[in-house]
Amino acid sequence: MSIIFFASTLEVFRIAIKVLLGICVFAFVSSNANSAQVTLTWDASSEANLAGYMVYYGERSGVYGNKIDVGNVSTHALANLTEGKQYFYAVTAYDVARVESPYSNEASSIAPSAKPVAAFNSDKATAIAPATFAFTNSSSGTI
């Protein structure tokens, strides 16, 4: 009886997962040098015995070297990705028995690169002309 129940549960997961990876991929650059962040969002399953989701990602289509149990949420931020690299993502749903559905449709993105920031600080806020200011360069990034 549980096998039949699992089969119907798995079919619901398959239906939910097909919608899933219209996964929205939002990309953010983190403050770590050469480290980017991508946020994945998907439609949640309404299955009663849904326990959570696994997020899979890697640098080749269909080859996911990384797996993260994100729990029962429909969004997850992947941090510490290499800027400028392409990543591929898929999600599975799992039930209370920890049985996973097949992979969702695949999504991909290129981890964003940090934009350079030109920033300078002055040793004086105001002065009477003619005046000399000393500027300190606190710029980041490369062009």
Protein backbone atom coordinates (compact mmCIF):
# COMPACT_ATOMS: atom_id res chain seq x y z
CA MET A 1 0.00 0.00 0.00
CA SER A 2 2.82 2.42 0.75
CA ILE A 3 4.34 1.75 -2.67
CA ILE A 4 1.08 2.75 -4.35
CA PHE A 5 0.92 5.80 -2.08
CA PHE A 6 4.49 6.67 -2.99
CA ALA A 7 3.74 6.32 -6.69
CA SER A 8 0.88 8.82 -6.46
CA THR A 9 3.00 11.10 -4.29
CA LEU A 10 5.84 10.90 -6.77
CA GLU A 11 3.48 11.77 -9.62
CA VAL A 12 2.31 14.86 -7.73
CA PHE A 13 5.97 15.76 -7.14
CA ARG A 14 6.66 15.36 -10.86
CA ILE A 15 3.79 17.70 -11.70
CA ALA A 16 4.92 20.23 -9.10
CA ILE A 17 8.54 19.98 -10.16
CA LYS A 18 7.68 20.61 -13.81
CA VAL A 19 6.42 24.00 -12.72
CA LEU A 20 9.34 24.36 -10.36
CA LEU A 21 12.12 25.19 -12.64
CA GLY A 22 10.75 27.97 -14.25
CA ILE A 23 13.06 28.55 -11.28
CA CYS A 24 13.61 32.23 -11.12
CA VAL A 25 17.28 32.94 -10.84
CA PHE A 26 18.31 36.19 -9.21
CA ALA A 27 21.98 37.01 -9.13
CA PHE A 28 23.76 39.10 -6.55
CA VAL A 29 27.41 39.81 -6.02
CA SER A 30 28.58 39.18 -2.49
CA SER A 31 31.19 41.19 -0.69
CA ASN A 32 33.81 38.41 -0.86
CA ALA A 33 36.40 38.85 -3.61
CA ASN A 34 35.58 36.68 -6.63
CA SER A 35 32.49 35.34 -4.86
CA ALA A 36 28.97 35.70 -6.21
CA GLN A 37 25.54 34.72 -4.96
CA VAL A 38 22.57 33.43 -6.94
CA THR A 39 19.09 33.14 -5.45
CA LEU A 40 16.81 30.39 -6.77
CA THR A 41 13.03 30.57 -6.37
CA TRP A 42 10.45 27.98 -7.38
CA ASP A 43 6.74 27.22 -6.99
CA ALA A 44 6.10 25.25 -3.83
CA SER A 45 4.40 21.86 -3.96
CA SER A 46 1.07 21.55 -2.15
CA GLU A 47 1.62 17.83 -1.47
CA ALA A 48 0.54 16.98 2.10
CA ASN A 49 3.54 14.80 2.91
CA LEU A 50 6.13 17.09 1.33
CA ALA A 51 9.11 17.34 3.67
CA GLY A 52 11.43 19.59 1.66
CA TYR A 53 13.56 20.23 -1.37
CA MET A 54 17.08 19.44 -2.54
CA VAL A 55 18.89 21.97 -4.69
CA TYR A 56 21.47 20.54 -7.09
CA TYR A 57 23.99 22.65 -8.98
CA GLY A 58 27.14 22.30 -11.00
CA GLU A 59 29.19 23.78 -13.82
CA ARG A 60 27.94 21.41 -16.55
CA SER A 61 24.42 20.82 -17.78
CA GLY A 62 22.95 17.71 -16.16
CA VAL A 63 26.03 17.17 -13.99
CA TYR A 64 25.38 18.42 -10.47
CA GLY A 65 28.38 18.02 -8.21
CA ASN A 66 26.69 19.89 -5.35
CA LYS A 67 23.56 19.02 -3.40
CA ILE A 68 21.96 21.07 -0.63
CA ASP A 69 18.98 20.12 1.50
CA VAL A 70 17.18 23.45 1.81
CA GLY A 71 14.25 22.15 3.85
CA ASN A 72 10.65 23.03 3.14
CA VAL A 73 11.20 26.44 1.54
CA SER A 74 10.74 27.61 -2.05
CA THR A 75 13.76 29.91 -2.29
CA HIS A 76 17.45 29.48 -1.58
CA ALA A 77 20.53 31.68 -1.95
CA LEU A 78 23.62 29.89 -3.23
CA ALA A 79 26.69 31.77 -2.03
CA ASN A 80 30.41 31.55 -2.77
CA LEU A 81 29.98 30.94 -6.49
CA THR A 82 32.83 31.91 -8.79
CA GLU A 83 32.16 35.19 -10.58
CA GLY A 84 31.68 34.84 -14.34
CA LYS A 85 31.18 31.05 -14.29
CA GLN A 86 28.05 29.44 -15.65
CA TYR A 87 26.10 27.24 -13.24
CA PHE A 88 23.26 24.81 -13.86
CA TYR A 89 20.52 24.14 -11.30
CA ALA A 90 17.81 21.58 -10.65
CA VAL A 91 15.52 20.92 -7.70
CA THR A 92 13.92 17.78 -6.33
CA ALA A 93 11.16 17.46 -3.79
CA TYR A 94 11.26 14.80 -1.09
CA ASP A 95 8.60 13.36 1.14
CA VAL A 96 8.59 12.44 4.83
CA ALA A 97 10.19 9.09 3.98
CA ARG A 98 13.05 11.07 2.28
CA VAL A 99 12.11 9.69 -1.14
CA GLU A 100 13.07 12.21 -3.82
CA SER A 101 11.23 13.10 -6.98
CA PRO A 102 13.07 13.23 -10.30
CA TYR A 103 14.98 16.42 -11.14
CA SER A 104 13.00 19.47 -12.14
CA ASN A 105 13.65 21.21 -15.41
CA GLU A 106 17.11 22.70 -15.45
CA ALA A 107 17.84 26.41 -15.11
CA SER A 108 21.18 28.13 -15.58
CA SER A 109 22.84 31.45 -14.96
CA ILE A 110 26.23 33.08 -15.04
CA ALA A 111 27.38 34.13 -11.59
CA PRO A 112 27.59 37.91 -11.72
CA SER A 113 30.85 39.80 -11.52
CA ALA A 114 31.27 42.61 -9.06
CA LYS A 115 30.97 46.04 -10.57
CA PRO A 116 33.96 48.26 -9.92
CA VAL A 117 33.38 51.05 -7.41
CA ALA A 118 35.32 54.30 -7.62
CA ALA A 119 35.54 55.78 -4.14
CA PHE A 120 37.80 58.44 -2.69
CA ASN A 121 37.95 60.02 0.75
CA SER A 122 39.26 63.48 1.48
CA ASP A 123 41.19 64.62 4.52
CA LYS A 124 39.01 67.78 4.64
CA ALA A 125 35.28 68.31 4.31
CA THR A 126 35.50 72.04 3.60
CA ALA A 127 38.22 74.64 3.03
CA ILE A 128 38.71 78.19 1.87
CA ALA A 129 40.19 78.55 -1.61
CA PRO A 130 42.90 78.07 -2.57
CA ALA A 131 43.09 74.79 -0.65
CA THR A 132 44.91 71.50 -0.85
CA PHE A 133 43.09 68.24 -0.31
CA ALA A 134 44.64 64.82 0.17
CA PHE A 135 42.53 62.01 -1.29
CA THR A 136 42.67 58.38 -0.23
CA ASN A 137 41.67 55.82 -2.83
CA SER A 138 39.25 53.19 -1.49
CA SER A 139 38.10 51.95 -4.89
CA SER A 140 37.41 48.28 -5.51
CA GLY A 141 37.14 46.03 -8.54
CA THR A 142 38.84 46.11 -11.90
CA ILE A 143 37.82 47.53 -15.24
